[in-house]
């Protein structure tokens, strides 16, 4: 084999190595994007599940048994008392019980990659005319804010933090 053939062989091996490295890098980037997309979808799904579960509960502790007796907002739970009545995270019997749930019974483990999802919820009264601002007095509308994030077993946040909001109103006649 001559010098020219040796140089061509070395060049071909270098070109093949470059192609292999480029393909490996592309596959790794694709895997990272797919993993982050999967994490994001799971976070959105978990946040949506919490919101739907909360909205399936009665509006307030005082409207739960006899909705016809609550005709004034002063009969609703006071603003500073929103949350669980008995500090039992498994006893979620009305919408505002979801206020202040921070990993209490809502932390789940992702079986695909072993990461943890953390859920933080906050419920507040809002004025229907301006639902982005919390009201300092009870109203017929409440907003739930759900924040979900993914963390590695060592506690570092992995990916984006998902924040979702929903307004839940009580209609009385």
Foldseek 3Di string as FASTA:
>chain_A
DDPVVVVVVVVVVVVVVVVVVVVVVVVVVVVLVVVLVVQVVVQVVLQVVVVVVLLVAAAAPQCRPPVQVDDDQVSGDAFVPQADPVPQLVPRHHNSNLAFDWQRPSWDADPPPGKIKIKGKHKAAADPVDRVDGDNGGDQKMKMKIKMFIAHPVGHTDHDIDIDMDMHGDDDD
